[in-house]
Amino acid sequence: MTRANDYPNNTQQRTRIASAAARLIAEDGISDYALAKRKAAHSLGLPENTHLPENSEVDSELRIYQRLFQDEEQLVRITYLRQKAAEIMTIMQRFNPYLTGPVLDGTAGRYAEIDIQLFTDSAKDVEIFLLNQRIGFEHSTPRSERAEAVLTIHDEDAVANLIIYLPHEERINFKTRDGRTRQRARLDTVNKLLIATRTDTP
């Protein structure tokens, strides 16, 4: 029987797992980092109780992978998704939108979805607004207990999740699963990022 002690928790092993997980995220569209790390460890023949790398380590390897193998493609995709995010945020201004997730931090790949946080007293108000704007949506399962609801919009070949919170949550710095502060940006910052990415896009 293989034991955890047979595979010491060293930097090299963590890097191997993070690198394999990054490839799964970039190539197979896996968005759940925990799942990607488990599948990566399994593909490397490591036992289930292997210590897995932090999400930040996977992010670092993902950036390396995208730069080496998807550089031009990924830059075009980031620009497209940020443009879509800016369009949606412009429409949703009354609900205090913030862009967050991989489209903001620059790791969004082929299958990444746009995550936009909204802050309002009632998720129902957002639904009514979307219906009045004739924007189709569906309900998705919230990934956080803080969220009141998640409304998902399918726009051409982009998917946007509107993650709705109560107004007082806007003052809180949300954390990732590994304890990092989750970045978020208002529309003016997204527009500045768009200018920068367009400059670099072929």
N, C-alpha and C. Protein backbone atom coordinates (compact mmCIF):
# COMPACT_ATOMS: atom_id res chain seq x y z
N MET A 1 0.85 -1.19 0.00
CA MET A 1 0.00 0.00 0.00
C MET A 1 0.89 1.24 0.00
N THR A 2 0.49 2.23 -0.81
CA THR A 2 1.25 3.48 -0.85
C THR A 2 0.88 4.36 0.33
N ARG A 3 1.86 4.93 0.98
CA ARG A 3 1.62 5.79 2.12
C ARG A 3 2.04 7.21 1.78
N ALA A 4 1.46 8.17 2.51
CA ALA A 4 1.78 9.58 2.27
C ALA A 4 3.26 9.83 2.46
N ASN A 5 3.89 9.11 3.41
CA ASN A 5 5.31 9.33 3.70
C ASN A 5 6.21 8.89 2.54
N ASP A 6 5.65 8.08 1.64
CA ASP A 6 6.43 7.65 0.49
C ASP A 6 6.65 8.81 -0.49
N TYR A 7 5.82 9.86 -0.35
CA TYR A 7 5.91 11.02 -1.23
C TYR A 7 6.06 12.26 -0.37
N PRO A 8 7.26 12.63 0.00
CA PRO A 8 7.45 13.77 0.89
C PRO A 8 6.89 15.05 0.30
N ASN A 9 6.38 15.90 1.17
CA ASN A 9 5.75 17.15 0.74
C ASN A 9 6.84 18.17 0.45
N ASN A 10 7.49 18.04 -0.68
CA ASN A 10 8.57 18.94 -1.00
C ASN A 10 8.17 19.90 -2.11
N THR A 11 9.02 20.89 -2.34
CA THR A 11 8.72 21.92 -3.32
C THR A 11 8.57 21.35 -4.72
N GLN A 12 9.43 20.40 -5.07
CA GLN A 12 9.39 19.82 -6.41
C GLN A 12 8.06 19.12 -6.67
N GLN A 13 7.58 18.37 -5.69
CA GLN A 13 6.31 17.65 -5.86
C GLN A 13 5.15 18.63 -5.97
N ARG A 14 5.15 19.66 -5.14
CA ARG A 14 4.07 20.65 -5.18
C ARG A 14 4.05 21.33 -6.55
N THR A 15 5.25 21.61 -7.07
CA THR A 15 5.34 22.27 -8.37
C THR A 15 4.81 21.37 -9.48
N ARG A 16 5.12 20.06 -9.39
CA ARG A 16 4.62 19.11 -10.38
C ARG A 16 3.10 19.07 -10.37
N ILE A 17 2.52 19.03 -9.18
CA ILE A 17 1.06 19.00 -9.08
C ILE A 17 0.46 20.30 -9.59
N ALA A 18 1.05 21.43 -9.19
CA ALA A 18 0.55 22.73 -9.62
C ALA A 18 0.63 22.88 -11.13
N SER A 19 1.72 22.39 -11.71
CA SER A 19 1.90 22.47 -13.17
C SER A 19 0.87 21.62 -13.90
N ALA A 20 0.64 20.40 -13.40
CA ALA A 20 -0.35 19.52 -14.03
C ALA A 20 -1.76 20.09 -13.87
N ALA A 21 -2.05 20.68 -12.72
CA ALA A 21 -3.35 21.29 -12.48
C ALA A 21 -3.55 22.49 -13.41
N ALA A 22 -2.50 23.27 -13.60
CA ALA A 22 -2.57 24.44 -14.48
C ALA A 22 -2.90 24.02 -15.91
N ARG A 23 -2.28 22.93 -16.35
CA ARG A 23 -2.56 22.44 -17.71
C ARG A 23 -4.02 22.02 -17.84
N LEU A 24 -4.57 21.36 -16.81
CA LEU A 24 -5.97 20.95 -16.84
C LEU A 24 -6.89 22.17 -16.91
N ILE A 25 -6.55 23.21 -16.17
CA ILE A 25 -7.36 24.43 -16.17
C ILE A 25 -7.29 25.10 -17.54
N ALA A 26 -6.08 25.18 -18.09
CA ALA A 26 -5.88 25.88 -19.36
C ALA A 26 -6.44 25.12 -20.55
N GLU A 27 -6.28 23.80 -20.56
CA GLU A 27 -6.64 23.01 -21.73
C GLU A 27 -8.02 22.37 -21.65
N ASP A 28 -8.42 21.95 -20.45
CA ASP A 28 -9.67 21.21 -20.30
C ASP A 28 -10.81 22.04 -19.74
N GLY A 29 -10.52 23.28 -19.37
CA GLY A 29 -11.57 24.16 -18.90
C GLY A 29 -12.06 23.89 -17.50
N ILE A 30 -11.27 23.21 -16.69
CA ILE A 30 -11.66 22.97 -15.29
C ILE A 30 -11.51 24.29 -14.53
N SER A 31 -12.58 24.76 -13.92
CA SER A 31 -12.54 26.03 -13.20
C SER A 31 -12.38 25.85 -11.69
N ASP A 32 -12.66 24.66 -11.21
CA ASP A 32 -12.55 24.35 -9.78
C ASP A 32 -11.10 23.94 -9.48
N TYR A 33 -10.37 24.82 -8.79
CA TYR A 33 -8.96 24.56 -8.52
C TYR A 33 -8.77 23.30 -7.68
N ALA A 34 -9.64 23.08 -6.72
CA ALA A 34 -9.52 21.89 -5.87
C ALA A 34 -9.64 20.62 -6.71
N LEU A 35 -10.60 20.61 -7.62
CA LEU A 35 -10.77 19.46 -8.50
C LEU A 35 -9.56 19.29 -9.40
N ALA A 36 -9.06 20.38 -9.96
CA ALA A 36 -7.90 20.30 -10.84
C ALA A 36 -6.68 19.74 -10.10
N LYS A 37 -6.49 20.15 -8.86
CA LYS A 37 -5.35 19.65 -8.08
C LYS A 37 -5.50 18.17 -7.77
N ARG A 38 -6.71 17.75 -7.43
CA ARG A 38 -6.93 16.32 -7.15
C ARG A 38 -6.69 15.47 -8.39
N LYS A 39 -7.20 15.94 -9.54
CA LYS A 39 -7.02 15.20 -10.78
C LYS A 39 -5.55 15.18 -11.18
N ALA A 40 -4.85 16.28 -10.93
CA ALA A 40 -3.42 16.36 -11.26
C ALA A 40 -2.63 15.37 -10.42
N ALA A 41 -2.92 15.33 -9.12
CA ALA A 41 -2.21 14.40 -8.24
C ALA A 41 -2.47 12.95 -8.66
N HIS A 42 -3.72 12.67 -9.02
CA HIS A 42 -4.07 11.31 -9.46
C HIS A 42 -3.31 10.95 -10.74
N SER A 43 -3.24 11.91 -11.69
CA SER A 43 -2.56 11.63 -12.95
C SER A 43 -1.07 11.40 -12.76
N LEU A 44 -0.52 11.93 -11.66
CA LEU A 44 0.89 11.74 -11.35
C LEU A 44 1.13 10.49 -10.51
N GLY A 45 0.06 9.76 -10.21
CA GLY A 45 0.19 8.52 -9.45
C GLY A 45 0.39 8.74 -7.97
N LEU A 46 -0.02 9.89 -7.46
CA LEU A 46 0.16 10.20 -6.04
C LEU A 46 -1.07 9.77 -5.24
N PRO A 47 -0.90 9.43 -3.98
CA PRO A 47 -2.04 8.97 -3.16
C PRO A 47 -3.01 10.10 -2.84
N GLU A 48 -4.21 9.72 -2.42
CA GLU A 48 -5.25 10.71 -2.16
C GLU A 48 -4.90 11.67 -1.03
N ASN A 49 -4.08 11.22 -0.07
CA ASN A 49 -3.75 12.08 1.07
C ASN A 49 -2.49 12.91 0.83
N THR A 50 -2.09 13.04 -0.43
CA THR A 50 -0.93 13.89 -0.75
C THR A 50 -1.25 15.35 -0.44
N HIS A 51 -0.30 16.06 0.15
CA HIS A 51 -0.47 17.49 0.40
C HIS A 51 -0.47 18.23 -0.93
N LEU A 52 -1.51 19.00 -1.18
CA LEU A 52 -1.67 19.69 -2.45
C LEU A 52 -1.16 21.12 -2.36
N PRO A 53 -0.74 21.69 -3.49
CA PRO A 53 -0.26 23.08 -3.49
C PRO A 53 -1.40 24.07 -3.24
N GLU A 54 -1.04 25.28 -2.86
CA GLU A 54 -2.03 26.34 -2.68
C GLU A 54 -2.51 26.81 -4.06
N ASN A 55 -3.67 27.47 -4.08
CA ASN A 55 -4.18 28.02 -5.33
C ASN A 55 -3.22 29.02 -5.95
N SER A 56 -2.52 29.76 -5.10
CA SER A 56 -1.57 30.75 -5.61
C SER A 56 -0.45 30.09 -6.39
N GLU A 57 -0.05 28.87 -5.98
CA GLU A 57 0.98 28.13 -6.69
C GLU A 57 0.46 27.67 -8.06
N VAL A 58 -0.80 27.27 -8.10
CA VAL A 58 -1.40 26.88 -9.37
C VAL A 58 -1.51 28.09 -10.28
N ASP A 59 -1.89 29.23 -9.71
CA ASP A 59 -1.97 30.46 -10.50
C ASP A 59 -0.64 30.79 -11.15
N SER A 60 0.43 30.65 -10.40
CA SER A 60 1.76 30.96 -10.94
C SER A 60 2.09 30.04 -12.10
N GLU A 61 1.79 28.73 -11.95
CA GLU A 61 2.06 27.79 -13.02
C GLU A 61 1.13 28.02 -14.21
N LEU A 62 -0.10 28.46 -13.92
CA LEU A 62 -1.05 28.74 -15.00
C LEU A 62 -0.56 29.90 -15.86
N ARG A 63 -0.05 30.93 -15.21
CA ARG A 63 0.48 32.07 -15.96
C ARG A 63 1.66 31.64 -16.83
N ILE A 64 2.51 30.78 -16.31
CA ILE A 64 3.66 30.29 -17.08
C ILE A 64 3.16 29.48 -18.28
N TYR A 65 2.21 28.57 -18.05
CA TYR A 65 1.69 27.72 -19.12
C TYR A 65 1.05 28.58 -20.21
N GLN A 66 0.23 29.54 -19.81
CA GLN A 66 -0.44 30.39 -20.79
C GLN A 66 0.57 31.21 -21.59
N ARG A 67 1.61 31.69 -20.93
CA ARG A 67 2.62 32.48 -21.62
C ARG A 67 3.40 31.63 -22.63
N LEU A 68 3.65 30.37 -22.28
CA LEU A 68 4.43 29.49 -23.15
C LEU A 68 3.63 28.91 -24.31
N PHE A 69 2.37 28.52 -24.02
CA PHE A 69 1.62 27.75 -25.01
C PHE A 69 0.37 28.44 -25.55
N GLN A 70 -0.10 29.49 -24.87
CA GLN A 70 -1.36 30.12 -25.29
C GLN A 70 -1.26 31.64 -25.32
N ASP A 71 -0.08 32.16 -25.46
CA ASP A 71 0.16 33.59 -25.24
C ASP A 71 -0.78 34.46 -26.07
N GLU A 72 -0.73 34.34 -27.40
CA GLU A 72 -1.54 35.19 -28.26
C GLU A 72 -3.02 34.89 -28.10
N GLU A 73 -3.36 33.59 -28.06
CA GLU A 73 -4.75 33.19 -27.90
C GLU A 73 -5.33 33.72 -26.59
N GLN A 74 -4.55 33.60 -25.53
CA GLN A 74 -5.04 34.01 -24.21
C GLN A 74 -5.22 35.52 -24.12
N LEU A 75 -4.33 36.26 -24.74
CA LEU A 75 -4.44 37.72 -24.72
C LEU A 75 -5.69 38.18 -25.46
N VAL A 76 -5.97 37.55 -26.59
CA VAL A 76 -7.18 37.87 -27.35
C VAL A 76 -8.42 37.54 -26.52
N ARG A 77 -8.40 36.38 -25.85
CA ARG A 77 -9.54 35.95 -25.05
C ARG A 77 -9.77 36.88 -23.86
N ILE A 78 -8.69 37.26 -23.19
CA ILE A 78 -8.80 38.18 -22.06
C ILE A 78 -9.43 39.50 -22.50
N THR A 79 -8.96 40.02 -23.63
CA THR A 79 -9.49 41.28 -24.14
C THR A 79 -10.98 41.17 -24.43
N TYR A 80 -11.36 40.06 -25.05
CA TYR A 80 -12.77 39.85 -25.39
C TYR A 80 -13.63 39.76 -24.13
N LEU A 81 -13.19 38.98 -23.17
CA LEU A 81 -13.98 38.80 -21.94
C LEU A 81 -14.07 40.09 -21.13
N ARG A 82 -12.98 40.84 -21.09
CA ARG A 82 -13.03 42.12 -20.38
C ARG A 82 -13.96 43.11 -21.07
N GLN A 83 -13.99 43.07 -22.40
CA GLN A 83 -14.92 43.93 -23.13
C GLN A 83 -16.36 43.55 -22.81
N LYS A 84 -16.66 42.25 -22.79
CA LYS A 84 -18.00 41.79 -22.44
C LYS A 84 -18.35 42.19 -21.01
N ALA A 85 -17.37 42.05 -20.11
CA ALA A 85 -17.60 42.43 -18.72
C ALA A 85 -17.93 43.90 -18.61
N ALA A 86 -17.18 44.74 -19.33
CA ALA A 86 -17.42 46.19 -19.29
C ALA A 86 -18.81 46.53 -19.81
N GLU A 87 -19.24 45.84 -20.87
CA GLU A 87 -20.57 46.09 -21.42
C GLU A 87 -21.66 45.74 -20.40
N ILE A 88 -21.50 44.60 -19.75
CA ILE A 88 -22.50 44.19 -18.75
C ILE A 88 -22.46 45.12 -17.54
N MET A 89 -21.29 45.49 -17.09
CA MET A 89 -21.17 46.39 -15.94
C MET A 89 -21.79 47.75 -16.23
N THR A 90 -21.65 48.21 -17.47
CA THR A 90 -22.27 49.49 -17.85
C THR A 90 -23.78 49.41 -17.73
N ILE A 91 -24.35 48.32 -18.19
CA ILE A 91 -25.79 48.12 -18.10
C ILE A 91 -26.24 48.00 -16.65
N MET A 92 -25.41 47.36 -15.80
CA MET A 92 -25.80 47.06 -14.42
C MET A 92 -25.30 48.09 -13.41
N GLN A 93 -24.98 49.29 -13.84
CA GLN A 93 -24.39 50.30 -12.96
C GLN A 93 -25.19 50.57 -11.70
N ARG A 94 -26.51 50.52 -11.77
CA ARG A 94 -27.34 50.83 -10.59
C ARG A 94 -27.15 49.81 -9.46
N PHE A 95 -26.52 48.67 -9.77
CA PHE A 95 -26.33 47.63 -8.77
C PHE A 95 -24.88 47.52 -8.29
N ASN A 96 -24.10 48.60 -8.50
CA ASN A 96 -22.72 48.68 -8.00
C ASN A 96 -21.86 47.48 -8.41
N PRO A 97 -21.66 47.28 -9.71
CA PRO A 97 -20.94 46.09 -10.18
C PRO A 97 -19.42 46.17 -9.98
N TYR A 98 -18.83 45.02 -9.69
CA TYR A 98 -17.38 44.85 -9.61
C TYR A 98 -17.01 43.61 -10.41
N LEU A 99 -15.96 43.71 -11.20
CA LEU A 99 -15.41 42.53 -11.86
C LEU A 99 -14.46 41.82 -10.90
N THR A 100 -14.50 40.50 -10.90
CA THR A 100 -13.59 39.72 -10.05
C THR A 100 -13.23 38.43 -10.79
N GLY A 101 -12.38 37.61 -10.20
CA GLY A 101 -12.05 36.32 -10.79
C GLY A 101 -10.99 36.39 -11.87
N PRO A 102 -10.86 35.31 -12.66
CA PRO A 102 -9.77 35.18 -13.62
C PRO A 102 -9.79 36.21 -14.75
N VAL A 103 -10.96 36.75 -15.11
CA VAL A 103 -11.00 37.78 -16.15
C VAL A 103 -10.33 39.05 -15.65
N LEU A 104 -10.45 39.31 -14.37
CA LEU A 104 -9.77 40.47 -13.79
C LEU A 104 -8.29 40.21 -13.58
N ASP A 105 -7.94 39.07 -13.00
CA ASP A 105 -6.53 38.86 -12.64
C ASP A 105 -5.65 38.41 -13.81
N GLY A 106 -6.28 38.16 -14.97
CA GLY A 106 -5.49 37.87 -16.16
C GLY A 106 -5.21 36.41 -16.43
N THR A 107 -5.80 35.50 -15.66
CA THR A 107 -5.56 34.07 -15.87
C THR A 107 -6.68 33.40 -16.65
N ALA A 108 -7.67 34.16 -17.10
CA ALA A 108 -8.79 33.58 -17.84
C ALA A 108 -8.30 32.94 -19.13
N GLY A 109 -8.76 31.72 -19.37
CA GLY A 109 -8.37 31.00 -20.57
C GLY A 109 -9.54 30.73 -21.49
N ARG A 110 -9.46 29.64 -22.23
CA ARG A 110 -10.44 29.32 -23.26
C ARG A 110 -11.86 29.20 -22.72
N TYR A 111 -11.99 28.64 -21.53
CA TYR A 111 -13.33 28.32 -21.02
C TYR A 111 -13.73 29.16 -19.81
N ALA A 112 -12.99 30.21 -19.54
CA ALA A 112 -13.26 31.01 -18.34
C ALA A 112 -14.60 31.75 -18.44
N GLU A 113 -15.23 31.91 -17.29
CA GLU A 113 -16.47 32.67 -17.21
C GLU A 113 -16.21 34.01 -16.54
N ILE A 114 -17.04 34.98 -16.83
CA ILE A 114 -16.94 36.31 -16.24
C ILE A 114 -17.68 36.31 -14.91
N ASP A 115 -17.05 36.77 -13.85
CA ASP A 115 -17.69 36.89 -12.55
C ASP A 115 -17.84 38.37 -12.19
N ILE A 116 -19.08 38.79 -12.00
CA ILE A 116 -19.37 40.18 -11.65
C ILE A 116 -20.17 40.20 -10.36
N GLN A 117 -19.66 40.90 -9.36
CA GLN A 117 -20.36 41.04 -8.09
C GLN A 117 -21.32 42.23 -8.17
N LEU A 118 -22.53 42.04 -7.66
CA LEU A 118 -23.52 43.12 -7.57
C LEU A 118 -23.92 43.28 -6.11
N PHE A 119 -24.24 44.52 -5.72
CA PHE A 119 -24.63 44.79 -4.34
C PHE A 119 -25.95 45.56 -4.34
N THR A 120 -27.00 44.91 -3.82
CA THR A 120 -28.34 45.49 -3.85
C THR A 120 -29.19 44.88 -2.75
N ASP A 121 -30.28 45.55 -2.41
CA ASP A 121 -31.16 45.07 -1.34
C ASP A 121 -31.93 43.81 -1.73
N SER A 122 -32.16 43.63 -3.03
CA SER A 122 -33.02 42.52 -3.44
C SER A 122 -32.53 41.91 -4.75
N ALA A 123 -32.29 40.60 -4.72
CA ALA A 123 -31.94 39.89 -5.94
C ALA A 123 -33.08 39.95 -6.95
N LYS A 124 -34.30 40.03 -6.43
CA LYS A 124 -35.46 40.10 -7.30
C LYS A 124 -35.43 41.36 -8.17
N ASP A 125 -34.88 42.46 -7.61
CA ASP A 125 -34.76 43.69 -8.39
C ASP A 125 -33.86 43.49 -9.61
N VAL A 126 -32.81 42.71 -9.42
CA VAL A 126 -31.91 42.43 -10.54
C VAL A 126 -32.62 41.60 -11.59
N GLU A 127 -33.38 40.61 -11.15
CA GLU A 127 -34.12 39.77 -12.09
C GLU A 127 -35.11 40.61 -12.91
N ILE A 128 -35.84 41.48 -12.22
CA ILE A 128 -36.83 42.32 -12.91
C ILE A 128 -36.13 43.24 -13.90
N PHE A 129 -34.99 43.79 -13.48
CA PHE A 129 -34.24 44.69 -14.36
C PHE A 129 -33.81 43.94 -15.63
N LEU A 130 -33.27 42.74 -15.47
CA LEU A 130 -32.82 41.96 -16.63
C LEU A 130 -33.99 41.62 -17.55
N LEU A 131 -35.12 41.26 -16.96
CA LEU A 131 -36.30 40.97 -17.77
C LEU A 131 -36.75 42.19 -18.56
N ASN A 132 -36.72 43.35 -17.92
CA ASN A 132 -37.11 44.59 -18.59
C ASN A 132 -36.14 44.95 -19.71
N GLN A 133 -34.87 44.57 -19.53
CA GLN A 133 -33.86 44.82 -20.55
C GLN A 133 -33.84 43.72 -21.61
N ARG A 134 -34.71 42.74 -21.44
CA ARG A 134 -34.80 41.59 -22.34
C ARG A 134 -33.47 40.84 -22.43
N ILE A 135 -32.86 40.70 -21.27
CA ILE A 135 -31.61 39.94 -21.15
C ILE A 135 -31.94 38.60 -20.49
N GLY A 136 -31.72 37.53 -21.20
CA GLY A 136 -32.02 36.21 -20.66
C GLY A 136 -31.02 35.80 -19.59
N PHE A 137 -31.49 35.04 -18.62
CA PHE A 137 -30.62 34.56 -17.54
C PHE A 137 -31.17 33.27 -16.97
N GLU A 138 -30.32 32.59 -16.22
CA GLU A 138 -30.76 31.41 -15.48
C GLU A 138 -30.16 31.46 -14.08
N HIS A 139 -30.79 30.78 -13.16
CA HIS A 139 -30.30 30.74 -11.79
C HIS A 139 -29.19 29.69 -11.67
N SER A 140 -28.10 30.05 -10.99
CA SER A 140 -27.01 29.12 -10.74
C SER A 140 -26.80 29.00 -9.24
N THR A 141 -26.12 27.95 -8.83
CA THR A 141 -25.87 27.72 -7.41
C THR A 141 -24.76 28.64 -6.91
N PRO A 142 -25.01 29.43 -5.87
CA PRO A 142 -23.96 30.29 -5.32
C PRO A 142 -22.78 29.49 -4.80
N ARG A 143 -21.57 29.99 -5.04
CA ARG A 143 -20.36 29.33 -4.55
C ARG A 143 -19.98 29.83 -3.16
N SER A 144 -20.70 30.83 -2.67
CA SER A 144 -20.42 31.38 -1.35
C SER A 144 -21.72 31.53 -0.58
N GLU A 145 -21.65 31.27 0.73
CA GLU A 145 -22.85 31.42 1.57
C GLU A 145 -23.26 32.88 1.69
N ARG A 146 -22.33 33.79 1.42
CA ARG A 146 -22.65 35.22 1.51
C ARG A 146 -23.57 35.67 0.38
N ALA A 147 -23.48 35.01 -0.77
CA ALA A 147 -24.23 35.44 -1.94
C ALA A 147 -25.72 35.17 -1.77
N GLU A 148 -26.54 36.15 -2.17
CA GLU A 148 -27.98 35.99 -2.13
C GLU A 148 -28.48 35.15 -3.30
N ALA A 149 -27.83 35.31 -4.45
CA ALA A 149 -28.22 34.58 -5.65
C ALA A 149 -27.13 34.75 -6.69
N VAL A 150 -27.16 33.87 -7.69
CA VAL A 150 -26.28 33.99 -8.85
C VAL A 150 -27.15 33.84 -10.10
N LEU A 151 -27.10 34.87 -10.95
CA LEU A 151 -27.83 34.85 -12.21
C LEU A 151 -26.80 34.75 -13.33
N THR A 152 -26.95 33.77 -14.20
CA THR A 152 -25.97 33.52 -15.25
C THR A 152 -26.53 33.94 -16.61
N ILE A 153 -25.72 34.73 -17.31
CA ILE A 153 -26.08 35.24 -18.63
C ILE A 153 -25.20 34.57 -19.67
N HIS A 154 -25.79 34.07 -20.74
CA HIS A 154 -25.04 33.51 -21.86
C HIS A 154 -25.09 34.53 -23.00
N ASP A 155 -23.93 35.09 -23.32
CA ASP A 155 -23.83 36.14 -24.33
C ASP A 155 -22.85 35.70 -25.41
N GLU A 156 -23.39 35.27 -26.56
CA GLU A 156 -22.57 34.74 -27.65
C GLU A 156 -21.68 33.61 -27.09
N ASP A 157 -20.36 33.77 -27.15
CA ASP A 157 -19.50 32.69 -26.64
C ASP A 157 -18.87 33.07 -25.30
N ALA A 158 -19.57 33.90 -24.54
CA ALA A 158 -19.12 34.27 -23.20
C ALA A 158 -20.23 33.97 -22.20
N VAL A 159 -19.83 33.58 -21.00
CA VAL A 159 -20.78 33.32 -19.91
C VAL A 159 -20.44 34.26 -18.76
N ALA A 160 -21.45 34.96 -18.27
CA ALA A 160 -21.24 35.91 -17.17
C ALA A 160 -22.11 35.54 -15.98
N ASN A 161 -21.49 35.44 -14.81
CA ASN A 161 -22.20 35.16 -13.57
C ASN A 161 -22.39 36.45 -12.79
N LEU A 162 -23.61 36.83 -12.55
CA LEU A 162 -23.91 38.00 -11.71
C LEU A 162 -24.13 37.49 -10.29
N ILE A 163 -23.16 37.75 -9.42
CA ILE A 163 -23.18 37.23 -8.06
C ILE A 163 -23.72 38.34 -7.16
N ILE A 164 -24.87 38.13 -6.58
CA ILE A 164 -25.60 39.20 -5.90
C ILE A 164 -25.42 39.12 -4.38
N TYR A 165 -25.04 40.26 -3.80
CA TYR A 165 -24.84 40.37 -2.35
C TYR A 165 -25.68 41.52 -1.81
N LEU A 166 -25.91 41.49 -0.51
CA LEU A 166 -26.57 42.62 0.15
C LEU A 166 -25.62 43.81 0.22
N PRO A 167 -26.14 45.04 0.30
CA PRO A 167 -25.29 46.24 0.23
C PRO A 167 -24.16 46.29 1.25
N HIS A 168 -24.39 45.83 2.50
CA HIS A 168 -23.35 45.95 3.52
C HIS A 168 -22.14 45.06 3.22
N GLU A 169 -22.31 44.06 2.36
CA GLU A 169 -21.21 43.18 2.01
C GLU A 169 -20.16 43.90 1.15
N GLU A 170 -20.54 45.02 0.55
CA GLU A 170 -19.61 45.76 -0.30
C GLU A 170 -18.40 46.26 0.48
N ARG A 171 -18.56 46.46 1.78
CA ARG A 171 -17.46 46.96 2.61
C ARG A 171 -16.50 45.86 3.05
N ILE A 172 -16.85 44.61 2.76
CA ILE A 172 -16.05 43.48 3.23
C ILE A 172 -15.07 43.03 2.14
N ASN A 173 -13.84 42.75 2.55
CA ASN A 173 -12.86 42.18 1.63
C ASN A 173 -13.04 40.67 1.59
N PHE A 174 -13.55 40.16 0.50
CA PHE A 174 -13.77 38.72 0.38
C PHE A 174 -12.44 38.00 0.26
N LYS A 175 -12.42 36.76 0.74
CA LYS A 175 -11.20 35.95 0.71
C LYS A 175 -11.38 34.76 -0.23
N THR A 176 -10.28 34.32 -0.82
CA THR A 176 -10.29 33.09 -1.59
C THR A 176 -10.22 31.92 -0.61
N ARG A 177 -10.34 30.70 -1.12
CA ARG A 177 -10.32 29.53 -0.25
C ARG A 177 -8.99 29.36 0.46
N ASP A 178 -7.91 29.88 -0.14
CA ASP A 178 -6.62 29.75 0.52
C ASP A 178 -6.22 31.02 1.25
N GLY A 179 -7.20 31.88 1.56
CA GLY A 179 -6.97 33.01 2.45
C GLY A 179 -6.51 34.30 1.81
N ARG A 180 -6.35 34.32 0.50
CA ARG A 180 -5.94 35.55 -0.17
C ARG A 180 -7.13 36.48 -0.35
N THR A 181 -6.88 37.79 -0.36
CA THR A 181 -7.94 38.75 -0.63
C THR A 181 -8.36 38.63 -2.09
N ARG A 182 -9.65 38.50 -2.32
CA ARG A 182 -10.16 38.36 -3.69
C ARG A 182 -10.21 39.74 -4.34
N GLN A 183 -9.47 39.91 -5.39
CA GLN A 183 -9.44 41.19 -6.08
C GLN A 183 -10.79 41.49 -6.73
N ARG A 184 -11.11 42.77 -6.80
CA ARG A 184 -12.30 43.19 -7.53
C ARG A 184 -12.05 44.60 -8.06
N ALA A 185 -12.76 44.95 -9.13
CA ALA A 185 -12.50 46.24 -9.77
C ALA A 185 -13.79 46.83 -10.30
N ARG A 186 -13.89 48.14 -10.19
CA ARG A 186 -15.03 48.86 -10.75
C ARG A 186 -14.84 49.05 -12.25
N LEU A 187 -15.86 49.60 -12.89
CA LEU A 187 -15.87 49.74 -14.34
C LEU A 187 -14.70 50.58 -14.85
N ASP A 188 -14.37 51.68 -14.15
CA ASP A 188 -13.29 52.54 -14.65
C ASP A 188 -11.96 51.79 -14.69
N THR A 189 -11.73 50.93 -13.71
CA THR A 189 -10.50 50.13 -13.69
C THR A 189 -10.51 49.09 -14.81
N VAL A 190 -11.66 48.48 -15.06
CA VAL A 190 -11.78 47.50 -16.14
C VAL A 190 -11.50 48.18 -17.48
N ASN A 191 -12.01 49.39 -17.67
CA ASN A 191 -11.76 50.12 -18.92
C ASN A 191 -10.28 50.42 -19.10
N LYS A 192 -9.58 50.73 -18.01
CA LYS A 192 -8.14 50.97 -18.10
C LYS A 192 -7.39 49.69 -18.47
N LEU A 193 -7.84 48.56 -17.90
CA LEU A 193 -7.24 47.28 -18.27
C LEU A 193 -7.48 46.97 -19.74
N LEU A 194 -8.65 47.32 -20.23
CA LEU A 194 -8.96 47.08 -21.63
C LEU A 194 -8.03 47.86 -22.55
N ILE A 195 -7.77 49.10 -22.19
CA ILE A 195 -6.86 49.92 -22.98
C ILE A 195 -5.48 49.27 -23.03
N ALA A 196 -5.03 48.76 -21.88
CA ALA A 196 -3.71 48.13 -21.80
C ALA A 196 -3.66 46.84 -22.61
N THR A 197 -4.70 46.00 -22.50
CA THR A 197 -4.68 44.72 -23.23
C THR A 197 -4.83 44.94 -24.72
N ARG A 198 -5.63 45.93 -25.13
CA ARG A 198 -5.78 46.21 -26.55
C ARG A 198 -4.48 46.66 -27.17
N THR A 199 -3.69 47.37 -26.40
CA THR A 199 -2.39 47.83 -26.88
C THR A 199 -1.49 46.66 -27.22
N ASP A 200 -1.63 45.57 -26.45
CA ASP A 200 -0.76 44.39 -26.62
C ASP A 200 -1.36 43.36 -27.57
N THR A 201 -2.66 43.49 -27.89
CA THR A 201 -3.31 42.47 -28.72
C THR A 201 -2.90 42.62 -30.18
N PRO A 202 -2.51 41.51 -30.84
CA PRO A 202 -2.10 41.57 -32.24
C PRO A 202 -3.23 42.06 -33.13
